[in-house]
Amino acid sequence: MFFEKTNLETQLRKEKNRSQNQREMLEEVYHILKSHQSNEDRIKNNISKSNKPLTTNFDFDLLKTDAIYHIDQIKSICIDYRLRFLDTKYFKGEIPEAAFQKIDALETAHNIEIKNFKIIAPSKLFKLVDKDDPLLFAPIGNDYYYLIHKWGNDLSAFRKLLMWPFKNVTNLLLVVMVVSYLATLLIPHGLFSKNNSAVESLLIFFFMFKSAVAVVLYYAFAMGKNFNPAIWNKKYFNA
């Protein structure tokens, strides 16, 4: 005989074993997905609120040194680019899936639970209390923070320059003076008198300067604005 006869009992046993293997595989996948979902739900819960302690017991041998930043470095960047460094519970933007995956991987590698996350982002991305490129951090301790994930688009190349006037009073006054001088140059000669003199130009400049200062002060008080060093780590809209 070229072909052996089929033993139904044998085939039934094979089918049973194959079904069991498939079921075991499906159960394993289910448990993995369930565990992953549980971890993600826990991470999202930690991100949505402030927690204590303020430090995370990382295994320093596993950390990337180029991802560790001191609070002074973070403060300097926030002041230069007019950004805020706040708890993630105030963040109203969307945190990408890749960030949760990195947190999960970190927690697994270090055998810890990370809490008290911080984010660097523009003010518009935070739910601020009334009184374009987030960076997610976890606290290490001693004013050091570990950068976990960056997402979104890069800041405009001109943002630092545009935010320079808001660093302090001196910068703002210099900008107002330059704007006033340019506005003075736009005034036609002899508009207010027949004689074109330095005194007339000086008076026009002072008038322009006074007007510009008035506009800046009105905007600052009306909108509750403040200089960069005063707001970089404040949760208040009008800090």
C-alpha atoms as a PDB file:
ATOM      1  CA  MET A   1       0.000   0.000   0.000  1.00  0.00           C
ATOM      2  CA  PHE A   2       1.349   3.419  -0.977  1.00  0.00           C
ATOM      3  CA  PHE A   3      -0.879   5.307   1.467  1.00  0.00           C
ATOM      4  CA  GLU A   4      -1.460   4.428   5.092  1.00  0.00           C
ATOM      5  CA  LYS A   5      -4.977   4.429   6.396  1.00  0.00           C
ATOM      6  CA  THR A   6      -6.085   7.352   8.498  1.00  0.00           C
ATOM      7  CA  ASN A   7      -6.517   6.693  12.176  1.00  0.00           C
ATOM      8  CA  LEU A   8      -9.313   9.011  13.294  1.00  0.00           C
ATOM      9  CA  GLU A   9      -8.315   8.804  16.940  1.00  0.00           C
ATOM     10  CA  THR A  10      -4.773   9.894  16.092  1.00  0.00           C
ATOM     11  CA  GLN A  11      -6.008  12.779  13.964  1.00  0.00           C
ATOM     12  CA  LEU A  12      -8.435  13.825  16.682  1.00  0.00           C
ATOM     13  CA  ARG A  13      -5.589  13.854  19.220  1.00  0.00           C
ATOM     14  CA  LYS A  14      -3.445  15.989  16.895  1.00  0.00           C
ATOM     15  CA  GLU A  15      -6.283  18.416  16.423  1.00  0.00           C
ATOM     16  CA  LYS A  16      -6.748  18.587  20.184  1.00  0.00           C
ATOM     17  CA  ASN A  17      -3.051  19.301  20.768  1.00  0.00           C
ATOM     18  CA  ARG A  18      -3.036  21.939  18.026  1.00  0.00           C
ATOM     19  CA  SER A  19      -6.100  23.624  19.479  1.00  0.00           C
ATOM     20  CA  GLN A  20      -4.565  23.618  22.935  1.00  0.00           C
ATOM     21  CA  ASN A  21      -1.342  25.170  21.614  1.00  0.00           C
ATOM     22  CA  GLN A  22      -3.320  27.860  19.817  1.00  0.00           C
ATOM     23  CA  ARG A  23      -5.390  28.520  22.917  1.00  0.00           C
ATOM     24  CA  GLU A  24      -2.284  28.722  25.095  1.00  0.00           C
ATOM     25  CA  MET A  25      -0.714  31.126  22.615  1.00  0.00           C
ATOM     26  CA  LEU A  26      -3.847  33.268  22.547  1.00  0.00           C
ATOM     27  CA  GLU A  27      -3.983  33.285  26.338  1.00  0.00           C
ATOM     28  CA  GLU A  28      -0.335  34.305  26.501  1.00  0.00           C
ATOM     29  CA  VAL A  29      -0.931  37.143  24.052  1.00  0.00           C
ATOM     30  CA  TYR A  30      -4.015  38.172  26.014  1.00  0.00           C
ATOM     31  CA  HIS A  31      -2.079  38.286  29.289  1.00  0.00           C
ATOM     32  CA  ILE A  32       0.710  40.310  27.648  1.00  0.00           C
ATOM     33  CA  LEU A  33      -1.758  42.799  26.208  1.00  0.00           C
ATOM     34  CA  LYS A  34      -3.662  42.961  29.479  1.00  0.00           C
ATOM     35  CA  SER A  35      -0.455  43.557  31.417  1.00  0.00           C
ATOM     36  CA  HIS A  36       0.621  46.219  28.917  1.00  0.00           C
ATOM     37  CA  GLN A  37      -2.760  47.945  29.158  1.00  0.00           C
ATOM     38  CA  SER A  38      -2.649  47.795  32.939  1.00  0.00           C
ATOM     39  CA  ASN A  39       0.826  49.363  32.957  1.00  0.00           C
ATOM     40  CA  GLU A  40      -0.271  52.072  30.522  1.00  0.00           C
ATOM     41  CA  ASP A  41      -3.351  52.889  32.633  1.00  0.00           C
ATOM     42  CA  ARG A  42      -1.140  53.141  35.728  1.00  0.00           C
ATOM     43  CA  ILE A  43       1.386  55.369  33.913  1.00  0.00           C
ATOM     44  CA  LYS A  44      -1.392  57.633  32.608  1.00  0.00           C
ATOM     45  CA  ASN A  45      -2.764  57.906  36.147  1.00  0.00           C
ATOM     46  CA  ASN A  46       0.692  58.884  37.464  1.00  0.00           C
ATOM     47  CA  ILE A  47       1.097  61.460  34.688  1.00  0.00           C
ATOM     48  CA  SER A  48      -2.295  63.023  35.371  1.00  0.00           C
ATOM     49  CA  LYS A  49      -1.484  63.914  38.963  1.00  0.00           C
ATOM     50  CA  SER A  50       1.382  64.994  41.188  1.00  0.00           C
ATOM     51  CA  ASN A  51       2.863  62.324  43.384  1.00  0.00           C
ATOM     52  CA  LYS A  52       5.408  61.936  46.116  1.00  0.00           C
ATOM     53  CA  PRO A  53       8.263  61.171  46.629  1.00  0.00           C
ATOM     54  CA  LEU A  54       9.949  63.776  44.467  1.00  0.00           C
ATOM     55  CA  THR A  55      12.824  61.441  43.529  1.00  0.00           C
ATOM     56  CA  THR A  56      12.977  58.239  41.507  1.00  0.00           C
ATOM     57  CA  ASN A  57      15.246  55.356  42.497  1.00  0.00           C
ATOM     58  CA  PHE A  58      16.843  54.823  39.099  1.00  0.00           C
ATOM     59  CA  ASP A  59      19.700  52.381  38.592  1.00  0.00           C
ATOM     60  CA  PHE A  60      22.328  54.955  37.615  1.00  0.00           C
ATOM     61  CA  ASP A  61      24.379  52.374  35.726  1.00  0.00           C
ATOM     62  CA  LEU A  62      21.490  52.067  33.248  1.00  0.00           C
ATOM     63  CA  LEU A  63      20.886  55.806  32.734  1.00  0.00           C
ATOM     64  CA  LYS A  64      22.108  57.727  29.703  1.00  0.00           C
ATOM     65  CA  THR A  65      24.241  60.591  30.989  1.00  0.00           C
ATOM     66  CA  ASP A  66      23.287  62.824  28.045  1.00  0.00           C
ATOM     67  CA  ALA A  67      19.635  62.631  29.169  1.00  0.00           C
ATOM     68  CA  ILE A  68      20.342  63.956  32.692  1.00  0.00           C
ATOM     69  CA  TYR A  69      19.768  67.695  33.232  1.00  0.00           C
ATOM     70  CA  HIS A  70      20.125  69.974  36.246  1.00  0.00           C
ATOM     71  CA  ILE A  71      17.333  72.359  37.210  1.00  0.00           C
ATOM     72  CA  ASP A  72      19.570  75.361  36.402  1.00  0.00           C
ATOM     73  CA  GLN A  73      19.975  74.141  32.803  1.00  0.00           C
ATOM     74  CA  ILE A  74      16.234  73.608  32.490  1.00  0.00           C
ATOM     75  CA  LYS A  75      15.540  77.049  33.968  1.00  0.00           C
ATOM     76  CA  SER A  76      17.951  78.716  31.527  1.00  0.00           C
ATOM     77  CA  ILE A  77      16.255  77.138  28.491  1.00  0.00           C
ATOM     78  CA  CYS A  78      12.790  78.031  29.792  1.00  0.00           C
ATOM     79  CA  ILE A  79      13.798  81.663  30.324  1.00  0.00           C
ATOM     80  CA  ASP A  80      15.491  81.989  26.916  1.00  0.00           C
ATOM     81  CA  TYR A  81      12.534  80.543  25.003  1.00  0.00           C
ATOM     82  CA  ARG A  82       9.702  81.618  27.354  1.00  0.00           C
ATOM     83  CA  LEU A  83       8.654  78.064  28.257  1.00  0.00           C
ATOM     84  CA  ARG A  84       7.259  76.548  31.443  1.00  0.00           C
ATOM     85  CA  PHE A  85       8.486  73.586  33.480  1.00  0.00           C
ATOM     86  CA  LEU A  86       5.462  72.177  35.302  1.00  0.00           C
ATOM     87  CA  ASP A  87       3.882  68.981  36.603  1.00  0.00           C
ATOM     88  CA  THR A  88       2.298  66.865  33.878  1.00  0.00           C
ATOM     89  CA  LYS A  89      -1.102  67.180  35.568  1.00  0.00           C
ATOM     90  CA  TYR A  90      -1.311  70.711  34.116  1.00  0.00           C
ATOM     91  CA  PHE A  91      -0.454  69.546  30.588  1.00  0.00           C
ATOM     92  CA  LYS A  92      -3.448  69.653  28.236  1.00  0.00           C
ATOM     93  CA  GLY A  93      -1.678  68.431  25.104  1.00  0.00           C
ATOM     94  CA  GLU A  94      -1.669  64.834  23.925  1.00  0.00           C
ATOM     95  CA  ILE A  95       1.140  62.598  25.149  1.00  0.00           C
ATOM     96  CA  PRO A  96       2.139  60.119  22.402  1.00  0.00           C
ATOM     97  CA  GLU A  97       2.117  56.355  22.748  1.00  0.00           C
ATOM     98  CA  ALA A  98       5.905  56.293  22.327  1.00  0.00           C
ATOM     99  CA  ALA A  99       6.280  58.181  25.627  1.00  0.00           C
ATOM    100  CA  PHE A 100       4.246  55.570  27.514  1.00  0.00           C
ATOM    101  CA  GLN A 101       6.305  52.805  25.927  1.00  0.00           C
ATOM    102  CA  LYS A 102       9.552  54.463  27.018  1.00  0.00           C
ATOM    103  CA  ILE A 103       8.249  54.897  30.567  1.00  0.00           C
ATOM    104  CA  ASP A 104       7.165  51.256  30.661  1.00  0.00           C
ATOM    105  CA  ALA A 105      10.586  50.163  29.380  1.00  0.00           C
ATOM    106  CA  LEU A 106      12.362  52.326  31.968  1.00  0.00           C
ATOM    107  CA  GLU A 107      10.248  50.990  34.815  1.00  0.00           C
ATOM    108  CA  THR A 108      10.892  47.412  33.708  1.00  0.00           C
ATOM    109  CA  ALA A 109      14.635  47.922  33.290  1.00  0.00           C
ATOM    110  CA  HIS A 110      15.039  49.719  36.629  1.00  0.00           C
ATOM    111  CA  ASN A 111      12.365  47.713  38.480  1.00  0.00           C
ATOM    112  CA  ILE A 112      10.679  50.888  39.742  1.00  0.00           C
ATOM    113  CA  GLU A 113       7.502  52.931  39.387  1.00  0.00           C
ATOM    114  CA  ILE A 114       8.100  56.442  38.070  1.00  0.00           C
ATOM    115  CA  LYS A 115       6.005  59.278  39.500  1.00  0.00           C
ATOM    116  CA  ASN A 116       5.928  63.070  39.639  1.00  0.00           C
ATOM    117  CA  PHE A 117       6.585  63.665  35.942  1.00  0.00           C
ATOM    118  CA  LYS A 118       7.488  67.131  34.652  1.00  0.00           C
ATOM    119  CA  ILE A 119       7.135  68.702  31.206  1.00  0.00           C
ATOM    120  CA  ILE A 120       8.797  71.616  29.398  1.00  0.00           C
ATOM    121  CA  ALA A 121       6.370  73.255  26.981  1.00  0.00           C
ATOM    122  CA  PRO A 122       4.943  76.647  25.931  1.00  0.00           C
ATOM    123  CA  SER A 123       2.306  78.141  28.235  1.00  0.00           C
ATOM    124  CA  LYS A 124      -0.496  77.491  25.729  1.00  0.00           C
ATOM    125  CA  LEU A 125      -0.071  73.725  26.212  1.00  0.00           C
ATOM    126  CA  PHE A 126      -0.798  73.895  29.952  1.00  0.00           C
ATOM    127  CA  LYS A 127      -4.058  74.211  31.860  1.00  0.00           C
ATOM    128  CA  LEU A 128      -2.923  77.191  33.896  1.00  0.00           C
ATOM    129  CA  VAL A 129      -4.662  78.460  37.007  1.00  0.00           C
ATOM    130  CA  ASP A 130      -5.896  82.041  36.691  1.00  0.00           C
ATOM    131  CA  LYS A 131      -4.193  84.195  39.420  1.00  0.00           C
ATOM    132  CA  ASP A 132       4.867  73.391  20.187  1.00  0.00           C
ATOM    133  CA  ASP A 133       7.454  70.742  21.578  1.00  0.00           C
ATOM    134  CA  PRO A 134       7.122  69.170  24.983  1.00  0.00           C
ATOM    135  CA  LEU A 135       9.920  67.400  26.881  1.00  0.00           C
ATOM    136  CA  LEU A 136       8.909  64.766  29.443  1.00  0.00           C
ATOM    137  CA  PHE A 137      11.121  64.433  32.550  1.00  0.00           C
ATOM    138  CA  ALA A 138      11.264  62.293  35.673  1.00  0.00           C
ATOM    139  CA  PRO A 139      12.972  63.546  38.862  1.00  0.00           C
ATOM    140  CA  ILE A 140      16.219  61.877  39.890  1.00  0.00           C
ATOM    141  CA  GLY A 141      16.956  63.892  43.012  1.00  0.00           C
ATOM    142  CA  ASN A 142      19.182  66.817  44.070  1.00  0.00           C
ATOM    143  CA  ASP A 143      17.554  69.026  41.410  1.00  0.00           C
ATOM    144  CA  TYR A 144      18.442  66.667  38.566  1.00  0.00           C
ATOM    145  CA  TYR A 145      15.912  65.392  36.024  1.00  0.00           C
ATOM    146  CA  TYR A 146      16.003  62.583  33.480  1.00  0.00           C
ATOM    147  CA  LEU A 147      14.693  63.297  29.974  1.00  0.00           C
ATOM    148  CA  ILE A 148      12.373  60.454  28.957  1.00  0.00           C
ATOM    149  CA  HIS A 149      10.830  61.578  25.694  1.00  0.00           C
ATOM    150  CA  LYS A 150      10.527  64.528  23.290  1.00  0.00           C
ATOM    151  CA  TRP A 151       7.785  64.875  20.704  1.00  0.00           C
ATOM    152  CA  GLY A 152       6.105  67.441  18.484  1.00  0.00           C
ATOM    153  CA  ASN A 153       7.755  69.948  16.164  1.00  0.00           C
ATOM    154  CA  ASP A 154      10.921  71.870  16.927  1.00  0.00           C
ATOM    155  CA  LEU A 155      10.680  75.457  18.126  1.00  0.00           C
ATOM    156  CA  SER A 156      10.958  78.261  15.616  1.00  0.00           C
ATOM    157  CA  ALA A 157      14.547  79.332  14.954  1.00  0.00           C
ATOM    158  CA  PHE A 158      13.489  82.890  15.844  1.00  0.00           C
ATOM    159  CA  ARG A 159      11.694  82.070  19.110  1.00  0.00           C
ATOM    160  CA  LYS A 160      14.710  82.826  21.302  1.00  0.00           C
ATOM    161  CA  LEU A 161      15.180  86.173  19.566  1.00  0.00           C
ATOM    162  CA  LEU A 162      11.477  87.015  19.749  1.00  0.00           C
ATOM    163  CA  MET A 163      11.355  86.175  23.462  1.00  0.00           C
ATOM    164  CA  TRP A 164      14.566  88.104  24.275  1.00  0.00           C
ATOM    165  CA  PRO A 165      12.696  91.343  25.191  1.00  0.00           C
ATOM    166  CA  PHE A 166      10.700  89.454  27.846  1.00  0.00           C
ATOM    167  CA  LYS A 167      13.741  88.238  29.789  1.00  0.00           C
ATOM    168  CA  ASN A 168      14.060  91.441  31.854  1.00  0.00           C
ATOM    169  CA  VAL A 169      13.205  95.159  32.044  1.00  0.00           C
ATOM    170  CA  THR A 170      16.465  96.238  30.418  1.00  0.00           C
ATOM    171  CA  ASN A 171      15.902  94.157  27.304  1.00  0.00           C
ATOM    172  CA  LEU A 172      12.321  95.374  27.009  1.00  0.00           C
ATOM    173  CA  LEU A 173      13.331  99.049  27.327  1.00  0.00           C
ATOM    174  CA  LEU A 174      16.034  98.615  24.689  1.00  0.00           C
ATOM    175  CA  VAL A 175      13.514  97.150  22.252  1.00  0.00           C
ATOM    176  CA  VAL A 176      11.020  99.949  23.002  1.00  0.00           C
ATOM    177  CA  MET A 177      13.742 102.537  22.388  1.00  0.00           C
ATOM    178  CA  VAL A 178      14.685 100.981  19.044  1.00  0.00           C
ATOM    179  CA  VAL A 179      11.042 100.813  17.972  1.00  0.00           C
ATOM    180  CA  SER A 180      10.545 104.446  19.047  1.00  0.00           C
ATOM    181  CA  TYR A 181      13.622 105.536  17.078  1.00  0.00           C
ATOM    182  CA  LEU A 182      12.433 103.745  13.931  1.00  0.00           C
ATOM    183  CA  ALA A 183       8.993 105.289  14.330  1.00  0.00           C
ATOM    184  CA  THR A 184      10.639 108.722  14.693  1.00  0.00           C
ATOM    185  CA  LEU A 185      12.445 108.223  11.375  1.00  0.00           C
ATOM    186  CA  LEU A 186       9.098 107.592   9.680  1.00  0.00           C
ATOM    187  CA  ILE A 187       7.786 111.045  10.645  1.00  0.00           C
ATOM    188  CA  PRO A 188       8.235 113.449   7.698  1.00  0.00           C
ATOM    189  CA  HIS A 189      10.659 116.309   8.338  1.00  0.00           C
ATOM    190  CA  GLY A 190       9.005 119.641   8.994  1.00  0.00           C
ATOM    191  CA  LEU A 191       5.629 118.092   9.834  1.00  0.00           C
ATOM    192  CA  PHE A 192       5.322 119.987  13.122  1.00  0.00           C
ATOM    193  CA  SER A 193       7.511 123.013  12.334  1.00  0.00           C
ATOM    194  CA  LYS A 194       9.121 124.690   9.364  1.00  0.00           C
ATOM    195  CA  ASN A 195      12.580 124.329  10.796  1.00  0.00           C
ATOM    196  CA  ASN A 196      14.073 120.853  10.843  1.00  0.00           C
ATOM    197  CA  SER A 197      16.069 120.695  14.070  1.00  0.00           C
ATOM    198  CA  ALA A 198      17.577 118.117  16.400  1.00  0.00           C
ATOM    199  CA  VAL A 199      15.316 119.386  19.186  1.00  0.00           C
ATOM    200  CA  GLU A 200      12.215 118.584  17.127  1.00  0.00           C
ATOM    201  CA  SER A 201      13.499 115.077  16.379  1.00  0.00           C
ATOM    202  CA  LEU A 202      14.309 114.554  20.062  1.00  0.00           C
ATOM    203  CA  LEU A 203      10.827 115.669  21.113  1.00  0.00           C
ATOM    204  CA  ILE A 204       9.216 113.349  18.565  1.00  0.00           C
ATOM    205  CA  PHE A 205      11.409 110.494  19.812  1.00  0.00           C
ATOM    206  CA  PHE A 206      10.348 111.093  23.432  1.00  0.00           C
ATOM    207  CA  PHE A 207       6.705 111.220  22.342  1.00  0.00           C
ATOM    208  CA  MET A 208       7.074 107.912  20.487  1.00  0.00           C
ATOM    209  CA  PHE A 209       8.950 106.363  23.403  1.00  0.00           C
ATOM    210  CA  LYS A 210       6.293 107.471  25.896  1.00  0.00           C
ATOM    211  CA  SER A 211       3.528 106.098  23.661  1.00  0.00           C
ATOM    212  CA  ALA A 212       5.305 102.764  23.196  1.00  0.00           C
ATOM    213  CA  VAL A 213       5.899 102.411  26.944  1.00  0.00           C
ATOM    214  CA  ALA A 214       2.226 103.164  27.599  1.00  0.00           C
ATOM    215  CA  VAL A 215       1.155 100.436  25.151  1.00  0.00           C
ATOM    216  CA  VAL A 216       3.569  97.918  26.698  1.00  0.00           C
ATOM    217  CA  LEU A 217       2.429  98.706  30.247  1.00  0.00           C
ATOM    218  CA  TYR A 218      -1.237  98.492  29.265  1.00  0.00           C
ATOM    219  CA  TYR A 219      -0.679  95.126  27.577  1.00  0.00           C
ATOM    220  CA  ALA A 220       1.336  93.835  30.542  1.00  0.00           C
ATOM    221  CA  PHE A 221      -1.292  94.789  33.127  1.00  0.00           C
ATOM    222  CA  ALA A 222      -4.326  93.914  31.007  1.00  0.00           C
ATOM    223  CA  MET A 223      -3.018  90.470  30.045  1.00  0.00           C
ATOM    224  CA  GLY A 224      -1.314  89.730  33.351  1.00  0.00           C
ATOM    225  CA  LYS A 225       2.054  89.180  31.678  1.00  0.00           C
ATOM    226  CA  ASN A 226       5.386  88.912  33.429  1.00  0.00           C
ATOM    227  CA  PHE A 227       9.047  88.417  32.558  1.00  0.00           C
ATOM    228  CA  ASN A 228      10.418  84.971  31.686  1.00  0.00           C
ATOM    229  CA  PRO A 229      12.355  84.407  34.955  1.00  0.00           C
ATOM    230  CA  ALA A 230       9.142  84.963  36.937  1.00  0.00           C
ATOM    231  CA  ILE A 231       6.960  82.427  35.090  1.00  0.00           C
ATOM    232  CA  TRP A 232       9.152  79.502  33.986  1.00  0.00           C
ATOM    233  CA  ASN A 233       7.993  77.259  36.848  1.00  0.00           C
ATOM    234  CA  LYS A 234       4.688  78.934  37.799  1.00  0.00           C
ATOM    235  CA  LYS A 235       1.313  77.276  37.310  1.00  0.00           C
ATOM    236  CA  TYR A 236      -0.599  80.558  37.226  1.00  0.00           C
ATOM    237  CA  PHE A 237      -1.792  82.141  33.998  1.00  0.00           C
ATOM    238  CA  ASN A 238      -1.155  85.677  35.232  1.00  0.00           C
ATOM    239  CA  ALA A 239       1.967  84.934  37.265  1.00  0.00           C
END
